[in-house]
N, C-alpha and C. Protein backbone atom coordinates (compact mmCIF):
# COMPACT_ATOMS: atom_id res chain seq x y z
N MET A 1 -27.15 42.02 56.00
CA MET A 1 -27.39 42.16 54.58
C MET A 1 -26.12 41.90 53.77
N ASP A 2 -24.99 42.41 54.25
CA ASP A 2 -23.73 42.16 53.56
C ASP A 2 -23.40 40.68 53.53
N GLU A 3 -23.75 39.96 54.62
CA GLU A 3 -23.49 38.53 54.69
C GLU A 3 -24.28 37.77 53.64
N ALA A 4 -25.54 38.10 53.43
CA ALA A 4 -26.39 37.45 52.42
C ALA A 4 -25.88 37.74 51.01
N ARG A 5 -25.46 38.96 50.82
CA ARG A 5 -24.96 39.36 49.51
C ARG A 5 -23.67 38.60 49.17
N ARG A 6 -22.77 38.49 50.16
CA ARG A 6 -21.52 37.76 49.95
C ARG A 6 -21.78 36.29 49.65
N ARG A 7 -22.74 35.68 50.37
CA ARG A 7 -23.08 34.28 50.14
C ARG A 7 -23.64 34.11 48.72
N PHE A 8 -24.50 35.05 48.32
CA PHE A 8 -25.09 34.99 46.97
C PHE A 8 -23.99 35.10 45.90
N LEU A 9 -23.07 36.04 46.06
CA LEU A 9 -21.98 36.22 45.09
C LEU A 9 -21.05 35.00 45.07
N LYS A 10 -20.82 34.39 46.26
CA LYS A 10 -20.00 33.18 46.33
C LYS A 10 -20.65 32.05 45.54
N TRP A 11 -21.95 31.87 45.73
CA TRP A 11 -22.68 30.81 45.01
C TRP A 11 -22.72 31.09 43.51
N MET A 12 -22.91 32.31 43.11
CA MET A 12 -22.95 32.65 41.69
C MET A 12 -21.57 32.47 41.04
N THR A 13 -20.51 32.80 41.79
CA THR A 13 -19.16 32.59 41.27
C THR A 13 -18.89 31.09 41.10
N ALA A 14 -19.28 30.30 42.08
CA ALA A 14 -19.09 28.85 41.99
C ALA A 14 -19.92 28.28 40.84
N PHE A 15 -21.15 28.73 40.68
CA PHE A 15 -22.01 28.26 39.59
C PHE A 15 -21.43 28.65 38.23
N GLY A 16 -20.96 29.89 38.11
CA GLY A 16 -20.36 30.37 36.86
C GLY A 16 -19.09 29.60 36.52
N SER A 17 -18.28 29.31 37.53
CA SER A 17 -17.06 28.54 37.30
C SER A 17 -17.39 27.12 36.86
N LEU A 18 -18.38 26.51 37.51
CA LEU A 18 -18.81 25.16 37.15
C LEU A 18 -19.35 25.13 35.72
N LEU A 19 -20.16 26.12 35.36
CA LEU A 19 -20.72 26.21 34.02
C LEU A 19 -19.62 26.41 32.98
N THR A 20 -18.67 27.28 33.25
CA THR A 20 -17.56 27.52 32.33
C THR A 20 -16.71 26.26 32.18
N GLY A 21 -16.44 25.59 33.28
CA GLY A 21 -15.67 24.34 33.22
C GLY A 21 -16.38 23.28 32.40
N ALA A 22 -17.69 23.19 32.53
CA ALA A 22 -18.45 22.21 31.75
C ALA A 22 -18.45 22.57 30.27
N LEU A 23 -18.64 23.86 29.96
CA LEU A 23 -18.67 24.29 28.56
C LEU A 23 -17.33 24.06 27.87
N VAL A 24 -16.24 24.16 28.60
CA VAL A 24 -14.93 23.93 28.01
C VAL A 24 -14.52 22.45 28.13
N GLY A 25 -14.79 21.86 29.25
CA GLY A 25 -14.32 20.51 29.54
C GLY A 25 -15.04 19.40 28.79
N VAL A 26 -16.34 19.49 28.66
CA VAL A 26 -17.09 18.42 28.00
C VAL A 26 -16.66 18.25 26.55
N PRO A 27 -16.57 19.31 25.74
CA PRO A 27 -16.08 19.11 24.36
C PRO A 27 -14.64 18.61 24.31
N ALA A 28 -13.81 19.05 25.24
CA ALA A 28 -12.41 18.60 25.25
C ALA A 28 -12.33 17.11 25.56
N VAL A 29 -13.08 16.64 26.53
CA VAL A 29 -13.09 15.22 26.88
C VAL A 29 -13.69 14.41 25.74
N ARG A 30 -14.76 14.94 25.13
CA ARG A 30 -15.39 14.25 24.00
C ARG A 30 -14.41 14.11 22.83
N ALA A 31 -13.68 15.17 22.51
CA ALA A 31 -12.70 15.11 21.43
C ALA A 31 -11.58 14.13 21.75
N PHE A 32 -11.19 14.06 23.01
CA PHE A 32 -10.12 13.16 23.42
C PHE A 32 -10.56 11.69 23.34
N LEU A 33 -11.82 11.41 23.70
CA LEU A 33 -12.31 10.03 23.75
C LEU A 33 -12.97 9.56 22.45
N SER A 34 -13.31 10.46 21.54
CA SER A 34 -14.08 10.08 20.35
C SER A 34 -13.40 9.03 19.47
N PRO A 35 -12.07 9.02 19.30
CA PRO A 35 -11.49 7.96 18.46
C PRO A 35 -11.78 6.55 18.98
N ALA A 36 -11.94 6.40 20.29
CA ALA A 36 -12.21 5.08 20.84
C ALA A 36 -13.60 4.58 20.47
N PHE A 37 -14.51 5.49 20.16
CA PHE A 37 -15.89 5.11 19.86
C PHE A 37 -16.23 5.19 18.37
N ARG A 38 -15.23 5.51 17.55
CA ARG A 38 -15.44 5.59 16.10
C ARG A 38 -15.62 4.19 15.53
N PRO A 39 -16.58 4.03 14.62
CA PRO A 39 -16.73 2.69 14.02
C PRO A 39 -15.52 2.38 13.13
N PRO A 40 -15.18 1.10 13.00
CA PRO A 40 -14.04 0.76 12.15
C PRO A 40 -14.32 1.14 10.71
N PRO A 41 -13.28 1.51 9.96
CA PRO A 41 -13.50 1.91 8.57
C PRO A 41 -14.01 0.73 7.74
N THR A 42 -14.94 1.04 6.87
CA THR A 42 -15.47 -0.01 5.99
C THR A 42 -14.60 -0.10 4.75
N GLN A 43 -14.59 -1.27 4.16
CA GLN A 43 -13.78 -1.47 2.95
C GLN A 43 -14.47 -0.78 1.78
N ARG A 44 -13.71 0.01 1.04
CA ARG A 44 -14.24 0.75 -0.10
C ARG A 44 -13.95 -0.03 -1.38
N TRP A 45 -14.98 -0.52 -2.02
CA TRP A 45 -14.82 -1.24 -3.28
C TRP A 45 -15.06 -0.27 -4.42
N ILE A 46 -14.07 -0.12 -5.28
CA ILE A 46 -14.15 0.77 -6.44
C ILE A 46 -14.40 -0.09 -7.67
N LYS A 47 -15.44 0.26 -8.41
CA LYS A 47 -15.74 -0.48 -9.64
C LYS A 47 -14.81 0.00 -10.74
N ILE A 48 -14.04 -0.94 -11.29
CA ILE A 48 -13.08 -0.63 -12.35
C ILE A 48 -13.74 -0.72 -13.72
N GLY A 49 -14.52 -1.74 -13.92
CA GLY A 49 -15.19 -1.95 -15.21
C GLY A 49 -15.34 -3.43 -15.48
N GLU A 50 -15.69 -3.75 -16.72
CA GLU A 50 -15.88 -5.14 -17.10
C GLU A 50 -14.54 -5.87 -17.14
N ALA A 51 -14.48 -6.99 -16.44
CA ALA A 51 -13.24 -7.76 -16.37
C ALA A 51 -12.84 -8.29 -17.74
N ALA A 52 -13.82 -8.64 -18.57
CA ALA A 52 -13.52 -9.19 -19.89
C ALA A 52 -12.90 -8.15 -20.82
N GLN A 53 -13.06 -6.86 -20.52
CA GLN A 53 -12.53 -5.80 -21.38
C GLN A 53 -11.07 -5.47 -21.09
N ILE A 54 -10.52 -6.04 -20.01
CA ILE A 54 -9.12 -5.75 -19.65
C ILE A 54 -8.22 -6.68 -20.45
N GLU A 55 -7.36 -6.09 -21.25
CA GLU A 55 -6.51 -6.85 -22.17
C GLU A 55 -5.39 -7.58 -21.42
N PRO A 56 -5.28 -8.90 -21.57
CA PRO A 56 -4.22 -9.66 -20.91
C PRO A 56 -2.84 -9.23 -21.39
N GLY A 57 -1.88 -9.20 -20.45
CA GLY A 57 -0.49 -8.90 -20.78
C GLY A 57 -0.17 -7.43 -20.92
N VAL A 58 -1.17 -6.55 -20.78
CA VAL A 58 -0.95 -5.12 -20.94
C VAL A 58 -1.38 -4.40 -19.66
N PRO A 59 -0.47 -3.75 -18.94
CA PRO A 59 -0.87 -3.02 -17.74
C PRO A 59 -1.75 -1.82 -18.10
N LEU A 60 -2.72 -1.57 -17.25
CA LEU A 60 -3.69 -0.50 -17.50
C LEU A 60 -3.81 0.36 -16.26
N ARG A 61 -3.66 1.66 -16.43
CA ARG A 61 -3.84 2.58 -15.30
C ARG A 61 -5.30 3.00 -15.25
N PHE A 62 -5.86 2.98 -14.05
CA PHE A 62 -7.25 3.40 -13.84
C PHE A 62 -7.24 4.49 -12.78
N ASP A 63 -7.73 5.68 -13.13
CA ASP A 63 -7.82 6.81 -12.21
C ASP A 63 -9.26 7.04 -11.81
N PHE A 64 -9.45 7.45 -10.57
CA PHE A 64 -10.79 7.79 -10.07
C PHE A 64 -10.63 8.88 -9.01
N SER A 65 -11.72 9.55 -8.72
CA SER A 65 -11.67 10.58 -7.68
C SER A 65 -12.56 10.14 -6.52
N GLU A 66 -12.20 10.61 -5.34
CA GLU A 66 -12.99 10.29 -4.16
C GLU A 66 -13.06 11.52 -3.27
N THR A 67 -14.07 11.54 -2.43
CA THR A 67 -14.25 12.63 -1.48
C THR A 67 -13.44 12.32 -0.23
N VAL A 68 -12.63 13.29 0.21
CA VAL A 68 -11.81 13.15 1.40
C VAL A 68 -12.26 14.18 2.42
N ASN A 69 -12.58 13.73 3.63
CA ASN A 69 -12.99 14.63 4.71
C ASN A 69 -11.85 14.81 5.69
N ASP A 70 -11.50 16.07 5.94
CA ASP A 70 -10.49 16.42 6.93
C ASP A 70 -11.14 17.41 7.88
N ALA A 71 -11.67 16.88 8.98
CA ALA A 71 -12.44 17.67 9.93
C ALA A 71 -13.66 18.24 9.22
N TRP A 72 -13.71 19.55 9.02
CA TRP A 72 -14.86 20.16 8.37
C TRP A 72 -14.63 20.42 6.88
N VAL A 73 -13.41 20.18 6.42
CA VAL A 73 -13.07 20.46 5.04
C VAL A 73 -13.28 19.20 4.19
N GLU A 74 -14.06 19.34 3.14
CA GLU A 74 -14.32 18.23 2.23
C GLU A 74 -13.70 18.56 0.87
N THR A 75 -12.82 17.69 0.37
CA THR A 75 -12.16 17.92 -0.91
C THR A 75 -12.26 16.67 -1.77
N ARG A 76 -11.93 16.81 -3.03
CA ARG A 76 -11.88 15.68 -3.95
C ARG A 76 -10.41 15.36 -4.20
N ALA A 77 -10.09 14.09 -4.17
CA ALA A 77 -8.70 13.65 -4.39
C ALA A 77 -8.68 12.68 -5.56
N LEU A 78 -7.67 12.82 -6.40
CA LEU A 78 -7.49 11.91 -7.53
C LEU A 78 -6.63 10.73 -7.07
N ARG A 79 -7.13 9.54 -7.28
CA ARG A 79 -6.42 8.31 -6.91
C ARG A 79 -6.20 7.49 -8.16
N GLY A 80 -5.27 6.55 -8.10
CA GLY A 80 -5.01 5.71 -9.26
C GLY A 80 -4.54 4.33 -8.85
N VAL A 81 -4.80 3.37 -9.71
CA VAL A 81 -4.32 1.99 -9.54
C VAL A 81 -3.83 1.48 -10.89
N TRP A 82 -2.97 0.48 -10.85
CA TRP A 82 -2.51 -0.20 -12.06
C TRP A 82 -3.06 -1.61 -12.04
N LEU A 83 -3.67 -2.02 -13.16
CA LEU A 83 -4.25 -3.36 -13.31
C LEU A 83 -3.37 -4.18 -14.23
N TYR A 84 -3.25 -5.46 -13.90
CA TYR A 84 -2.50 -6.36 -14.78
C TYR A 84 -3.08 -7.76 -14.67
N THR A 85 -3.25 -8.40 -15.81
CA THR A 85 -3.69 -9.79 -15.85
C THR A 85 -2.94 -10.50 -16.97
N GLU A 86 -2.57 -11.74 -16.72
CA GLU A 86 -1.92 -12.53 -17.76
C GLU A 86 -2.92 -13.39 -18.50
N ASP A 87 -4.01 -13.75 -17.82
CA ASP A 87 -4.97 -14.68 -18.42
C ASP A 87 -6.40 -14.14 -18.51
N GLY A 88 -6.66 -12.95 -18.01
CA GLY A 88 -8.00 -12.38 -18.05
C GLY A 88 -8.91 -12.89 -16.95
N GLU A 89 -8.37 -13.72 -16.05
CA GLU A 89 -9.18 -14.27 -14.96
C GLU A 89 -8.64 -13.88 -13.59
N LYS A 90 -7.32 -13.94 -13.42
CA LYS A 90 -6.69 -13.52 -12.17
C LYS A 90 -6.08 -12.14 -12.40
N PHE A 91 -6.41 -11.21 -11.50
CA PHE A 91 -5.98 -9.83 -11.67
C PHE A 91 -5.04 -9.42 -10.54
N THR A 92 -3.99 -8.71 -10.91
CA THR A 92 -3.11 -8.08 -9.94
C THR A 92 -3.35 -6.59 -10.04
N VAL A 93 -3.62 -5.97 -8.90
CA VAL A 93 -3.88 -4.53 -8.88
C VAL A 93 -2.91 -3.91 -7.88
N TYR A 94 -2.15 -2.92 -8.36
CA TYR A 94 -1.19 -2.20 -7.54
C TYR A 94 -1.72 -0.81 -7.23
N SER A 95 -1.42 -0.33 -6.02
CA SER A 95 -1.71 1.06 -5.69
C SER A 95 -0.91 1.93 -6.66
N GLY A 96 -1.46 3.06 -7.03
CA GLY A 96 -0.81 3.95 -7.99
C GLY A 96 0.28 4.82 -7.40
N GLN A 97 0.65 4.57 -6.13
CA GLN A 97 1.68 5.37 -5.47
C GLN A 97 2.94 4.54 -5.23
N CYS A 98 4.07 5.14 -5.53
CA CYS A 98 5.36 4.51 -5.26
C CYS A 98 5.52 4.33 -3.75
N THR A 99 6.16 3.25 -3.35
CA THR A 99 6.31 2.98 -1.92
C THR A 99 7.43 3.81 -1.28
N HIS A 100 8.18 4.54 -2.09
CA HIS A 100 9.26 5.37 -1.55
C HIS A 100 8.70 6.66 -0.94
N LEU A 101 8.12 7.51 -1.78
CA LEU A 101 7.59 8.79 -1.30
C LEU A 101 6.18 9.07 -1.83
N ALA A 102 5.46 8.03 -2.24
CA ALA A 102 4.07 8.12 -2.71
C ALA A 102 3.94 8.92 -4.00
N CYS A 103 4.97 8.96 -4.81
CA CYS A 103 4.89 9.59 -6.12
C CYS A 103 4.07 8.70 -7.05
N SER A 104 3.58 9.27 -8.10
CA SER A 104 2.89 8.49 -9.12
C SER A 104 3.95 7.91 -10.05
N TYR A 105 3.76 6.69 -10.47
CA TYR A 105 4.73 6.05 -11.36
C TYR A 105 4.06 5.66 -12.67
N ALA A 106 4.86 5.27 -13.64
CA ALA A 106 4.34 4.94 -14.97
C ALA A 106 4.91 3.60 -15.43
N PHE A 107 4.30 3.06 -16.48
CA PHE A 107 4.80 1.82 -17.07
C PHE A 107 5.70 2.18 -18.23
N GLU A 108 6.91 1.64 -18.23
CA GLU A 108 7.85 1.86 -19.32
C GLU A 108 7.79 0.65 -20.24
N LYS A 109 7.16 0.84 -21.38
CA LYS A 109 6.87 -0.26 -22.29
C LYS A 109 8.13 -0.93 -22.84
N GLN A 110 9.16 -0.15 -23.19
CA GLN A 110 10.37 -0.70 -23.78
C GLN A 110 11.06 -1.69 -22.85
N ARG A 111 11.09 -1.39 -21.56
CA ARG A 111 11.78 -2.25 -20.59
C ARG A 111 10.83 -3.20 -19.88
N GLY A 112 9.52 -2.98 -20.02
CA GLY A 112 8.53 -3.86 -19.41
C GLY A 112 8.50 -3.80 -17.89
N LEU A 113 8.66 -2.57 -17.33
CA LEU A 113 8.64 -2.41 -15.88
C LEU A 113 8.01 -1.09 -15.50
N PHE A 114 7.66 -0.98 -14.23
CA PHE A 114 7.12 0.28 -13.70
C PHE A 114 8.29 1.14 -13.26
N LEU A 115 8.23 2.43 -13.58
CA LEU A 115 9.32 3.34 -13.27
C LEU A 115 8.76 4.57 -12.58
N CYS A 116 9.33 4.89 -11.42
CA CYS A 116 8.97 6.12 -10.70
C CYS A 116 10.00 7.18 -11.09
N PRO A 117 9.57 8.24 -11.76
CA PRO A 117 10.53 9.23 -12.26
C PRO A 117 11.14 10.12 -11.18
N CYS A 118 10.55 10.16 -10.00
CA CYS A 118 11.05 11.06 -8.95
C CYS A 118 12.45 10.67 -8.47
N HIS A 119 12.63 9.41 -8.13
CA HIS A 119 13.92 8.96 -7.59
C HIS A 119 14.39 7.66 -8.24
N HIS A 120 13.88 7.40 -9.44
CA HIS A 120 14.30 6.26 -10.26
C HIS A 120 14.04 4.90 -9.61
N GLY A 121 12.90 4.78 -8.92
CA GLY A 121 12.49 3.49 -8.40
C GLY A 121 11.97 2.64 -9.55
N MET A 122 12.36 1.37 -9.58
CA MET A 122 11.92 0.46 -10.65
C MET A 122 11.27 -0.76 -10.02
N PHE A 123 10.15 -1.20 -10.62
CA PHE A 123 9.39 -2.31 -10.09
C PHE A 123 9.05 -3.31 -11.19
N ASP A 124 9.03 -4.59 -10.83
CA ASP A 124 8.68 -5.66 -11.75
C ASP A 124 7.19 -5.59 -12.08
N LEU A 125 6.85 -5.82 -13.33
CA LEU A 125 5.46 -5.77 -13.78
C LEU A 125 4.60 -6.85 -13.13
N LYS A 126 5.09 -8.08 -13.09
CA LYS A 126 4.28 -9.20 -12.64
C LYS A 126 4.20 -9.35 -11.12
N THR A 127 5.27 -8.98 -10.42
CA THR A 127 5.29 -9.18 -8.97
C THR A 127 5.28 -7.89 -8.16
N GLY A 128 5.64 -6.78 -8.79
CA GLY A 128 5.74 -5.51 -8.07
C GLY A 128 7.03 -5.38 -7.28
N ALA A 129 7.93 -6.35 -7.41
CA ALA A 129 9.19 -6.36 -6.65
C ALA A 129 10.07 -5.18 -7.06
N VAL A 130 10.83 -4.68 -6.10
CA VAL A 130 11.76 -3.57 -6.35
C VAL A 130 12.93 -4.09 -7.16
N LEU A 131 13.18 -3.47 -8.33
CA LEU A 131 14.30 -3.84 -9.19
C LEU A 131 15.46 -2.86 -9.08
N GLY A 132 15.18 -1.67 -8.56
CA GLY A 132 16.23 -0.67 -8.42
C GLY A 132 15.70 0.60 -7.78
N GLY A 133 16.60 1.40 -7.26
CA GLY A 133 16.22 2.66 -6.65
C GLY A 133 15.97 2.52 -5.15
N PRO A 134 15.47 3.59 -4.55
CA PRO A 134 15.35 3.61 -3.08
C PRO A 134 14.04 3.06 -2.47
N PRO A 135 13.04 2.60 -3.24
CA PRO A 135 11.82 2.15 -2.57
C PRO A 135 12.10 1.05 -1.54
N PRO A 136 11.50 1.16 -0.34
CA PRO A 136 11.79 0.22 0.74
C PRO A 136 11.01 -1.10 0.67
N ARG A 137 10.01 -1.19 -0.22
CA ARG A 137 9.22 -2.42 -0.33
C ARG A 137 8.62 -2.51 -1.72
N PRO A 138 8.10 -3.69 -2.09
CA PRO A 138 7.45 -3.83 -3.39
C PRO A 138 6.21 -2.95 -3.48
N LEU A 139 5.67 -2.84 -4.69
CA LEU A 139 4.43 -2.09 -4.87
C LEU A 139 3.33 -2.71 -4.01
N ASP A 140 2.45 -1.86 -3.50
CA ASP A 140 1.37 -2.32 -2.65
C ASP A 140 0.25 -2.91 -3.50
N THR A 141 -0.07 -4.18 -3.26
CA THR A 141 -1.15 -4.83 -3.99
C THR A 141 -2.47 -4.60 -3.27
N LEU A 142 -3.53 -4.62 -4.04
CA LEU A 142 -4.87 -4.39 -3.51
C LEU A 142 -5.74 -5.61 -3.79
N GLU A 143 -6.69 -5.84 -2.90
CA GLU A 143 -7.61 -6.96 -3.04
C GLU A 143 -8.59 -6.69 -4.18
N THR A 144 -8.93 -7.74 -4.93
CA THR A 144 -9.87 -7.61 -6.05
C THR A 144 -10.98 -8.64 -5.91
N LYS A 145 -12.07 -8.37 -6.61
CA LYS A 145 -13.15 -9.35 -6.75
C LYS A 145 -13.88 -9.08 -8.05
N VAL A 146 -14.45 -10.14 -8.60
CA VAL A 146 -15.24 -10.01 -9.83
C VAL A 146 -16.67 -10.41 -9.47
N GLU A 147 -17.61 -9.49 -9.71
CA GLU A 147 -19.03 -9.73 -9.46
C GLU A 147 -19.81 -9.36 -10.70
N ASP A 148 -20.61 -10.29 -11.18
CA ASP A 148 -21.44 -10.06 -12.37
C ASP A 148 -20.61 -9.57 -13.56
N GLY A 149 -19.39 -10.07 -13.66
CA GLY A 149 -18.52 -9.71 -14.78
C GLY A 149 -17.76 -8.41 -14.60
N ASP A 150 -18.00 -7.69 -13.50
CA ASP A 150 -17.32 -6.42 -13.24
C ASP A 150 -16.19 -6.62 -12.23
N LEU A 151 -15.07 -5.95 -12.47
CA LEU A 151 -13.92 -6.01 -11.58
C LEU A 151 -14.01 -4.89 -10.55
N TYR A 152 -13.83 -5.25 -9.28
CA TYR A 152 -13.83 -4.29 -8.18
C TYR A 152 -12.50 -4.37 -7.45
N VAL A 153 -12.05 -3.23 -6.93
CA VAL A 153 -10.80 -3.14 -6.18
C VAL A 153 -11.09 -2.54 -4.81
N ALA A 154 -10.55 -3.17 -3.77
CA ALA A 154 -10.65 -2.62 -2.41
C ALA A 154 -9.50 -1.62 -2.24
N TYR A 155 -9.82 -0.34 -2.39
CA TYR A 155 -8.77 0.68 -2.39
C TYR A 155 -8.37 1.09 -0.98
N HIS A 156 -7.06 1.19 -0.77
CA HIS A 156 -6.46 1.69 0.47
C HIS A 156 -5.29 2.57 0.10
N THR A 157 -4.96 3.49 0.99
CA THR A 157 -3.74 4.26 0.87
C THR A 157 -2.78 3.70 1.91
N PHE A 158 -1.51 3.58 1.56
CA PHE A 158 -0.52 3.01 2.46
C PHE A 158 0.56 4.02 2.79
N ARG A 159 1.18 3.86 3.94
CA ARG A 159 2.28 4.74 4.34
C ARG A 159 3.47 4.51 3.41
N ALA A 160 4.09 5.58 3.03
CA ALA A 160 5.25 5.51 2.13
C ALA A 160 6.53 5.65 2.94
N GLY A 161 7.61 5.11 2.37
CA GLY A 161 8.93 5.31 2.94
C GLY A 161 9.32 4.36 4.05
N ILE A 162 8.48 3.37 4.36
CA ILE A 162 8.81 2.41 5.41
C ILE A 162 8.75 0.99 4.83
N PRO A 163 9.48 0.05 5.41
CA PRO A 163 9.50 -1.31 4.87
C PRO A 163 8.19 -2.08 5.05
N GLU A 164 7.38 -1.71 6.05
CA GLU A 164 6.13 -2.42 6.31
C GLU A 164 4.99 -1.83 5.51
N LYS A 165 4.07 -2.67 5.09
CA LYS A 165 2.87 -2.24 4.37
C LYS A 165 1.79 -1.94 5.41
N ILE A 166 1.58 -0.65 5.71
CA ILE A 166 0.63 -0.24 6.73
C ILE A 166 -0.40 0.67 6.08
N ALA A 167 -1.67 0.29 6.17
CA ALA A 167 -2.75 1.08 5.59
C ALA A 167 -2.98 2.34 6.43
N VAL A 168 -3.24 3.43 5.76
CA VAL A 168 -3.57 4.70 6.42
C VAL A 168 -5.08 4.74 6.54
N THR A 169 -5.57 4.97 7.74
CA THR A 169 -7.04 5.00 7.94
C THR A 169 -7.56 6.40 7.88
């Protein structure tokens, strides 16, 4: 009788260990492998407004909010872009973040350039080139398209503080 009881307890211990290992191991392996099976991010087109309403020669800041998911936490984030056109047909759109430390920058009308007040980064209006300060690269440009008279921007966030333009996914 003791032999049968020991065999039963041995099997139950092995079964319990196997069950515990599966309950812990399967989610851990799934979490480890899930990035490989994630679909590629889709391009987010943000509608700016009517292209004909954007005044040539005058930079315009456009702010919008978007939903950001971080695991189970969902928040709203304020994003911004700067629009510029010389002729009302070809548009240059810059990310609203400085390439140095992702600060928000402004247009200084008197000097005709973009100025980041945090560390005095200066950028050319027409090209986004660095004119002064510590930014490691020009302003990040964004892809645009005009459909049915409306201007759309493919918004991305880019890594700050490095010379390469790398999108954050």
